N, C-alpha and C. Protein backbone atom coordinates (compact mmCIF):
# COMPACT_ATOMS: atom_id res chain seq x y z
N UNK A 1 -6.51 34.65 21.89
CA UNK A 1 -6.00 33.21 21.30
C UNK A 1 -6.43 32.33 22.22
N UNK A 2 -7.14 31.20 21.68
CA UNK A 2 -7.43 29.88 22.47
C UNK A 2 -6.22 29.20 22.35
N UNK A 3 -6.21 28.48 23.71
CA UNK A 3 -4.94 27.61 23.56
C UNK A 3 -5.46 25.99 23.43
N UNK A 4 -6.94 26.04 23.19
CA UNK A 4 -7.43 24.48 23.00
C UNK A 4 -7.19 23.89 21.70
N UNK A 5 -6.51 23.02 21.31
CA UNK A 5 -6.15 22.42 20.07
C UNK A 5 -7.54 22.38 19.21
N UNK A 6 -7.15 22.61 18.12
CA UNK A 6 -8.15 22.63 16.88
C UNK A 6 -8.68 21.19 16.31
N UNK A 7 -9.68 20.80 16.15
CA UNK A 7 -10.44 19.45 15.65
C UNK A 7 -9.94 19.57 14.14
N UNK A 8 -9.83 18.36 13.26
CA UNK A 8 -9.75 18.25 11.97
C UNK A 8 -11.12 18.82 11.46
N UNK A 9 -10.93 19.45 10.16
CA UNK A 9 -12.02 19.49 9.53
C UNK A 9 -12.62 18.24 8.54
N UNK A 10 -11.70 17.07 8.74
CA UNK A 10 -12.29 15.94 8.01
C UNK A 10 -13.03 15.19 9.21
N UNK A 11 -14.34 14.73 8.73
CA UNK A 11 -15.49 14.43 9.82
C UNK A 11 -14.78 13.16 10.30
N UNK A 12 -14.18 12.28 10.21
CA UNK A 12 -14.20 10.80 10.65
C UNK A 12 -13.00 11.16 11.56
N UNK A 13 -11.95 11.90 10.96
CA UNK A 13 -10.66 12.21 12.11
C UNK A 13 -11.27 13.00 13.20
N UNK A 14 -12.13 14.17 13.09
CA UNK A 14 -12.92 14.67 14.13
C UNK A 14 -13.46 13.92 14.97
N UNK A 15 -14.38 12.97 14.27
CA UNK A 15 -15.26 12.10 15.40
C UNK A 15 -14.26 11.15 16.04
N UNK A 16 -13.23 10.66 15.48
CA UNK A 16 -12.29 9.87 16.33
C UNK A 16 -11.64 10.49 17.39
N UNK A 17 -11.24 11.61 16.91
CA UNK A 17 -10.67 12.66 18.19
C UNK A 17 -11.49 13.08 19.25
N UNK A 18 -12.54 13.21 18.78
CA UNK A 18 -13.70 13.39 20.32
C UNK A 18 -13.87 12.26 20.73
N UNK A 19 -14.02 11.25 20.18
CA UNK A 19 -14.22 9.95 21.35
C UNK A 19 -12.75 9.96 21.92
N UNK A 20 -12.02 10.03 21.63
CA UNK A 20 -10.44 10.05 22.49
C UNK A 20 -10.84 11.04 23.67
N UNK A 21 -11.07 12.23 23.52
CA UNK A 21 -11.07 13.45 24.14
C UNK A 21 -12.17 13.03 25.41
N UNK A 22 -13.36 12.75 24.94
CA UNK A 22 -14.71 12.06 25.78
C UNK A 22 -14.17 10.85 26.81
N UNK A 23 -13.28 10.25 26.14
CA UNK A 23 -12.90 8.92 27.24
C UNK A 23 -12.07 9.42 28.02
N UNK A 24 -10.82 10.16 27.49
CA UNK A 24 -9.52 10.31 28.46
C UNK A 24 -8.66 9.58 27.87
N UNK A 25 -8.96 8.64 26.74
CA UNK A 25 -7.90 7.77 26.63
C UNK A 25 -8.12 7.45 25.06
N UNK A 26 -6.80 6.79 24.38
CA UNK A 26 -6.96 6.13 22.78
C UNK A 26 -7.43 4.80 23.00
N UNK A 27 -7.52 4.27 24.37
CA UNK A 27 -7.90 2.76 23.92
C UNK A 27 -9.24 2.59 23.53
N UNK A 28 -9.44 1.56 22.82
CA UNK A 28 -10.83 1.27 22.36
C UNK A 28 -11.29 2.04 21.07
N UNK A 29 -10.21 3.13 20.48
CA UNK A 29 -10.30 3.91 19.28
C UNK A 29 -9.26 3.32 18.47
N UNK A 30 -9.81 2.64 17.34
CA UNK A 30 -8.91 1.96 16.63
C UNK A 30 -9.49 2.23 15.36
N UNK A 31 -8.34 1.87 14.17
CA UNK A 31 -8.92 1.99 12.67
C UNK A 31 -8.47 0.75 12.15
N UNK A 32 -9.11 0.07 11.49
CA UNK A 32 -9.12 -1.35 11.06
C UNK A 32 -8.47 -2.07 12.19
N UNK A 33 -9.18 -2.31 13.60
CA UNK A 33 -8.81 -3.21 14.92
C UNK A 33 -7.08 -2.60 14.98
N UNK A 34 -6.66 -1.66 14.65
CA UNK A 34 -5.43 -1.26 15.15
C UNK A 34 -5.39 0.05 16.06
N UNK A 35 -4.56 0.30 17.16
CA UNK A 35 -4.42 1.14 18.03
C UNK A 35 -4.00 2.57 17.35
N UNK A 36 -4.49 3.61 17.88
CA UNK A 36 -4.29 4.97 17.19
C UNK A 36 -3.44 6.03 18.46
N UNK A 37 -2.63 6.62 18.13
CA UNK A 37 -1.90 7.89 19.38
C UNK A 37 -2.43 9.05 19.03
N UNK A 38 -3.07 9.82 19.97
CA UNK A 38 -3.27 11.26 19.47
C UNK A 38 -2.19 12.13 19.63
N UNK A 39 -1.78 12.83 18.41
CA UNK A 39 -0.59 13.80 18.56
C UNK A 39 -1.26 15.17 18.83
N UNK A 40 -0.67 16.03 19.24
CA UNK A 40 -0.94 17.64 19.12
C UNK A 40 0.25 18.13 18.71
N UNK A 41 -0.14 19.07 17.39
CA UNK A 41 1.06 19.57 16.62
C UNK A 41 0.71 20.80 16.96
N UNK A 42 1.60 21.95 16.56
CA UNK A 42 1.67 23.34 16.52
C UNK A 42 1.59 23.64 15.12
N UNK A 43 0.62 24.74 14.72
CA UNK A 43 0.74 24.96 13.41
C UNK A 43 1.52 25.91 12.68
N UNK A 44 2.32 25.53 11.79
CA UNK A 44 3.12 26.15 10.90
C UNK A 44 3.09 27.53 11.02
N UNK A 45 2.25 28.03 10.00
CA UNK A 45 1.95 29.28 10.13
C UNK A 45 0.69 30.23 11.35
N UNK A 46 -0.05 29.67 11.63
CA UNK A 46 -0.90 30.01 12.55
C UNK A 46 -0.75 30.01 14.25
N UNK A 47 0.28 28.87 14.29
CA UNK A 47 0.71 28.77 15.76
C UNK A 47 -0.26 28.33 16.68
N UNK A 48 -1.35 27.82 15.76
CA UNK A 48 -2.51 27.40 16.71
C UNK A 48 -2.54 25.53 16.75
N UNK A 49 -2.67 25.10 18.18
CA UNK A 49 -2.72 23.66 18.34
C UNK A 49 -3.60 22.84 17.42
N UNK A 50 -3.16 21.34 17.03
CA UNK A 50 -4.01 20.77 16.43
C UNK A 50 -3.98 19.17 16.77
N UNK A 51 -5.13 18.79 16.65
CA UNK A 51 -5.05 17.29 17.29
C UNK A 51 -4.78 16.66 15.63
N UNK A 52 -4.21 15.74 15.77
CA UNK A 52 -3.55 14.66 14.51
C UNK A 52 -3.62 13.09 15.31
N UNK A 53 -4.80 12.45 15.27
CA UNK A 53 -4.84 11.07 15.47
C UNK A 53 -3.98 10.03 14.34
N UNK A 54 -3.20 9.38 14.55
CA UNK A 54 -2.47 8.60 13.66
C UNK A 54 -2.27 7.31 14.20
N UNK A 55 -1.99 6.30 13.48
CA UNK A 55 -1.73 4.73 14.01
C UNK A 55 -0.69 4.62 14.63
N UNK A 56 -0.75 3.73 15.77
CA UNK A 56 0.33 3.47 16.71
C UNK A 56 1.28 3.03 16.14
N UNK A 57 2.68 3.50 16.14
CA UNK A 57 3.92 2.96 15.70
C UNK A 57 4.83 3.33 16.90
N UNK A 58 5.12 2.22 17.59
CA UNK A 58 6.21 2.76 18.75
C UNK A 58 6.95 1.35 19.11
N UNK A 59 8.25 2.02 19.67
CA UNK A 59 9.07 1.24 19.90
C UNK A 59 9.93 1.76 21.06
N UNK A 60 10.44 1.02 22.08
CA UNK A 60 11.24 1.56 23.17
C UNK A 60 10.95 2.63 23.70
N UNK A 61 9.67 3.22 23.39
CA UNK A 61 9.15 4.41 24.26
C UNK A 61 9.36 5.70 22.96
N UNK A 62 9.71 5.39 21.96
CA UNK A 62 9.95 6.27 20.73
C UNK A 62 8.54 6.12 20.06
N UNK A 63 8.20 6.86 19.43
CA UNK A 63 7.08 6.68 18.26
C UNK A 63 7.69 7.53 16.85
N UNK A 64 6.64 6.64 16.08
CA UNK A 64 7.05 7.53 14.76
C UNK A 64 5.44 7.73 14.42
N UNK A 65 5.63 8.96 13.28
CA UNK A 65 4.32 9.75 12.70
C UNK A 65 4.75 9.46 11.41
N UNK A 66 3.85 8.73 10.56
CA UNK A 66 3.49 8.34 9.37
C UNK A 66 2.91 9.51 8.52
N UNK A 67 3.83 10.41 7.67
CA UNK A 67 3.20 11.30 6.77
C UNK A 67 2.43 10.77 5.46
N UNK A 68 1.59 9.76 5.61
CA UNK A 68 1.05 8.95 4.25
C UNK A 68 0.16 9.79 3.44
N UNK A 69 -0.92 10.00 4.60
CA UNK A 69 -2.17 11.03 3.77
C UNK A 69 -2.65 10.00 2.70
N UNK A 70 -2.88 8.46 2.82
CA UNK A 70 -3.33 7.73 2.27
C UNK A 70 -3.10 7.47 0.73
N UNK A 71 -1.80 7.87 0.80
CA UNK A 71 -0.88 7.71 -0.49
C UNK A 71 -1.21 9.15 -1.33
N UNK A 72 -1.63 9.82 -0.92
CA UNK A 72 -1.86 11.07 -1.71
C UNK A 72 -0.59 11.62 -2.20
N UNK A 73 -0.56 12.53 -3.42
CA UNK A 73 0.68 13.16 -3.94
C UNK A 73 1.22 13.95 -2.85
N UNK A 74 0.42 14.52 -2.07
CA UNK A 74 0.63 15.89 -1.33
C UNK A 74 0.87 15.33 0.08
N UNK A 75 2.05 15.80 0.76
CA UNK A 75 2.12 15.46 2.32
C UNK A 75 0.74 16.14 3.02
N UNK A 76 0.44 15.54 4.33
CA UNK A 76 -0.56 15.64 4.96
C UNK A 76 -0.24 17.13 5.78
N UNK A 77 -1.09 17.89 5.89
CA UNK A 77 -1.02 19.58 6.36
C UNK A 77 -0.05 19.66 7.51
N UNK A 78 -0.54 18.46 8.40
CA UNK A 78 0.70 18.24 9.62
C UNK A 78 2.05 18.36 9.40
N UNK A 79 2.26 17.69 8.41
CA UNK A 79 3.69 17.42 7.93
C UNK A 79 4.52 18.43 8.05
N UNK A 80 4.18 19.67 7.66
CA UNK A 80 4.68 21.03 7.70
C UNK A 80 4.58 21.80 9.13
N UNK A 81 3.57 21.50 9.90
CA UNK A 81 3.45 22.04 11.16
C UNK A 81 4.64 21.17 12.06
N UNK A 82 4.84 19.91 11.92
CA UNK A 82 6.05 19.11 12.67
C UNK A 82 7.19 19.61 12.14
N UNK A 83 7.39 19.84 10.95
CA UNK A 83 8.89 20.41 10.34
C UNK A 83 9.12 21.78 10.95
N UNK A 84 8.29 22.74 11.16
CA UNK A 84 8.28 24.05 11.54
C UNK A 84 8.43 23.94 13.00
N UNK A 85 7.20 23.16 13.78
CA UNK A 85 7.47 22.93 15.44
C UNK A 85 7.59 21.62 15.67
N UNK A 86 8.83 20.96 15.99
CA UNK A 86 8.87 19.65 16.25
C UNK A 86 8.56 19.00 17.61
N UNK A 87 8.20 20.24 18.41
CA UNK A 87 7.70 19.40 19.90
C UNK A 87 6.34 19.14 19.75
N UNK A 88 5.88 18.03 19.73
CA UNK A 88 4.61 17.53 19.74
C UNK A 88 4.31 16.66 21.09
N UNK A 89 2.99 16.75 21.41
CA UNK A 89 2.54 15.74 22.56
C UNK A 89 1.90 14.65 22.02
N UNK A 90 1.96 13.55 22.67
CA UNK A 90 1.50 12.31 22.52
C UNK A 90 0.68 11.68 23.33
N UNK A 91 -0.50 11.49 23.08
CA UNK A 91 -1.28 10.42 24.00
C UNK A 91 -1.60 9.26 23.51
N UNK A 92 -1.01 8.24 24.46
CA UNK A 92 -1.08 6.68 24.26
C UNK A 92 -1.78 6.30 25.24
N UNK A 93 -3.00 5.74 24.93
CA UNK A 93 -4.01 5.20 26.28
C UNK A 93 -4.20 6.73 26.79
N UNK A 94 -4.05 6.25 28.11
CA UNK A 94 -4.31 7.69 28.78
C UNK A 94 -2.80 8.37 29.19
N UNK A 95 -1.88 8.16 28.79
CA UNK A 95 -0.29 8.69 29.17
C UNK A 95 -0.07 9.64 27.88
N UNK A 96 0.21 11.11 28.65
CA UNK A 96 0.51 11.96 27.69
C UNK A 96 1.91 12.48 27.92
N UNK A 97 2.59 12.33 26.99
CA UNK A 97 4.24 12.83 27.02
C UNK A 97 4.56 13.96 26.20
N UNK A 98 5.43 14.62 26.39
CA UNK A 98 5.91 15.73 25.27
C UNK A 98 7.36 15.15 24.67
N UNK A 99 7.19 15.17 23.44
CA UNK A 99 8.41 14.48 22.42
C UNK A 99 9.06 15.57 21.39
N UNK A 100 10.21 15.38 21.00
CA UNK A 100 10.36 16.08 19.73
C UNK A 100 10.63 15.05 18.34
N UNK A 101 10.25 15.61 17.53
CA UNK A 101 10.15 14.92 16.14
C UNK A 101 11.07 15.17 15.42
N UNK A 102 11.67 14.46 14.70
CA UNK A 102 12.37 14.54 13.80
C UNK A 102 12.35 13.64 12.37
N UNK A 103 12.68 14.05 11.18
CA UNK A 103 12.43 13.26 9.90
C UNK A 103 13.74 12.64 9.77
N UNK A 104 13.25 11.30 9.52
CA UNK A 104 14.36 10.18 9.64
C UNK A 104 14.41 9.66 7.99
N UNK A 105 15.99 9.45 7.61
CA UNK A 105 16.24 8.88 6.35
C UNK A 105 17.05 7.72 6.75
N UNK A 106 17.21 7.26 5.24
CA UNK A 106 18.08 5.95 4.94
C UNK A 106 17.77 4.88 5.81
N UNK A 107 18.62 3.94 6.53
CA UNK A 107 18.67 2.98 7.15
C UNK A 107 17.61 3.07 8.32
N UNK A 108 17.26 4.08 9.24
CA UNK A 108 16.63 4.37 10.01
C UNK A 108 15.17 4.54 9.64
N UNK A 109 14.99 5.45 8.58
CA UNK A 109 13.71 5.38 8.07
C UNK A 109 13.01 3.95 7.83
N UNK A 110 14.26 3.15 7.02
CA UNK A 110 13.61 1.77 6.72
C UNK A 110 13.18 1.06 7.89
N UNK A 111 14.04 1.33 8.84
CA UNK A 111 13.56 0.61 10.08
C UNK A 111 12.22 0.53 10.71
N UNK A 112 12.09 2.16 10.94
CA UNK A 112 10.88 2.58 11.02
C UNK A 112 9.58 2.42 10.22
N UNK A 113 9.81 2.51 8.87
CA UNK A 113 9.01 2.00 7.78
C UNK A 113 8.39 0.66 7.79
N UNK A 114 9.36 -0.25 8.30
CA UNK A 114 9.17 -1.78 8.54
C UNK A 114 8.11 -1.95 9.86
N UNK A 115 8.66 -0.98 10.95
CA UNK A 115 7.58 -1.11 12.12
C UNK A 115 6.18 -0.58 11.82
N UNK A 116 6.06 0.66 10.83
CA UNK A 116 4.90 1.28 10.59
C UNK A 116 4.06 0.25 9.74
N UNK A 117 4.74 -0.29 8.55
CA UNK A 117 3.54 -1.36 8.19
C UNK A 117 3.33 -2.57 9.02
N UNK A 118 4.11 -3.23 9.77
CA UNK A 118 3.83 -4.16 10.53
C UNK A 118 2.50 -3.42 11.63
N UNK A 119 2.12 -2.28 11.94
CA UNK A 119 1.35 -1.72 12.60
C UNK A 119 0.17 -1.48 11.91
N UNK A 120 0.54 -1.34 10.71
CA UNK A 120 -0.64 -0.93 9.81
C UNK A 120 -0.55 -1.04 8.33
N UNK A 121 -0.71 -2.56 7.92
CA UNK A 121 -0.54 -2.96 6.81
C UNK A 121 -0.97 -1.95 5.42
N UNK A 122 -2.04 -1.21 5.64
CA UNK A 122 -2.19 -0.51 4.47
C UNK A 122 -1.14 0.32 4.10
N UNK A 123 -0.30 0.92 4.95
CA UNK A 123 0.96 1.84 4.48
C UNK A 123 1.96 1.33 3.23
N UNK A 124 1.75 0.13 3.45
CA UNK A 124 2.64 -0.41 2.17
C UNK A 124 1.96 -0.17 0.56
N UNK A 125 0.61 -0.19 0.72
CA UNK A 125 -0.02 -0.14 -0.45
C UNK A 125 0.03 1.75 -0.51
N UNK A 126 -0.16 2.22 0.49
CA UNK A 126 -0.19 3.67 0.23
C UNK A 126 0.86 4.42 -0.65
N UNK A 127 2.39 3.64 -0.15
CA UNK A 127 3.45 4.05 -0.96
C UNK A 127 3.39 3.94 -2.22
N UNK A 128 2.54 2.72 -2.72
CA UNK A 128 2.83 2.34 -4.18
C UNK A 128 1.82 3.34 -5.02
N UNK A 129 0.97 4.17 -4.18
CA UNK A 129 0.09 5.06 -4.88
C UNK A 129 0.53 6.65 -5.09
N UNK A 130 1.71 6.66 -4.59
CA UNK A 130 2.64 8.18 -4.56
C UNK A 130 3.75 7.90 -5.12
N UNK A 131 4.25 8.95 -5.91
CA UNK A 131 5.63 9.18 -6.46
C UNK A 131 6.59 9.53 -5.30
N UNK A 132 6.00 10.54 -4.00
CA UNK A 132 6.62 10.79 -3.06
C UNK A 132 7.01 9.55 -2.10
N UNK A 133 8.25 9.61 -1.58
CA UNK A 133 9.08 8.67 -0.54
C UNK A 133 7.75 9.26 0.84
N UNK A 134 6.86 8.42 1.32
CA UNK A 134 6.37 8.99 2.52
C UNK A 134 7.22 9.22 3.64
N UNK A 135 6.92 10.28 4.09
CA UNK A 135 7.96 11.06 5.28
C UNK A 135 7.69 10.31 6.43
N UNK A 136 8.67 9.94 7.41
CA UNK A 136 8.59 9.14 8.75
C UNK A 136 9.51 10.23 9.60
N UNK A 137 8.57 10.30 10.84
CA UNK A 137 9.29 11.02 11.76
C UNK A 137 9.22 10.21 13.14
N UNK A 138 10.52 10.13 13.67
CA UNK A 138 10.53 9.68 14.93
C UNK A 138 10.47 10.78 16.33
N UNK A 139 9.72 10.44 17.05
CA UNK A 139 9.47 11.29 18.31
C UNK A 139 10.15 10.81 19.39
N UNK A 140 11.09 11.54 20.56
CA UNK A 140 11.65 10.67 21.27
C UNK A 140 11.92 11.92 22.52
C-alpha cells in the first residue's frame, strides 16, 4: 500500500493541492485572496492518507478545520476521517507540523467560528444554507 497521500477527486481542490506540492509551500495558493493550509488526514475506512486544503484559521499555534462543504447538508468526507483518526498533519507555508484534532462545542466553538468567519467570510453564508451546525475541529 502506498504511503503517498491521495489527491482529491474534485478538480479545483486537486489543482490547488498540486500547486502546493509543486511549490513546497502554501504561500501564494489562496481562495478569494485568503490563505490556505494543507492538511493530511487518514481515511476512516481505507486508512489511506488524503490531502485536504482548507482556509487558514489559526490562533496561537492552533488551527481550525471547518467542515463547511459550502453549506451542503452532508459533512465533507474528511470530517469522518478526522473523527476516526484525529492525528492530522498541517502544512502552513513551508512549515509542516503534526497535530491532534478535536471537535469543539459551545463557547469554544463560538470563538473558533468567529475566527473562521473573520478568516473566510463566506463561512457565515454557508451556515445559512444548511440545517446542520457546521462542525469545527481545533488542532493542537
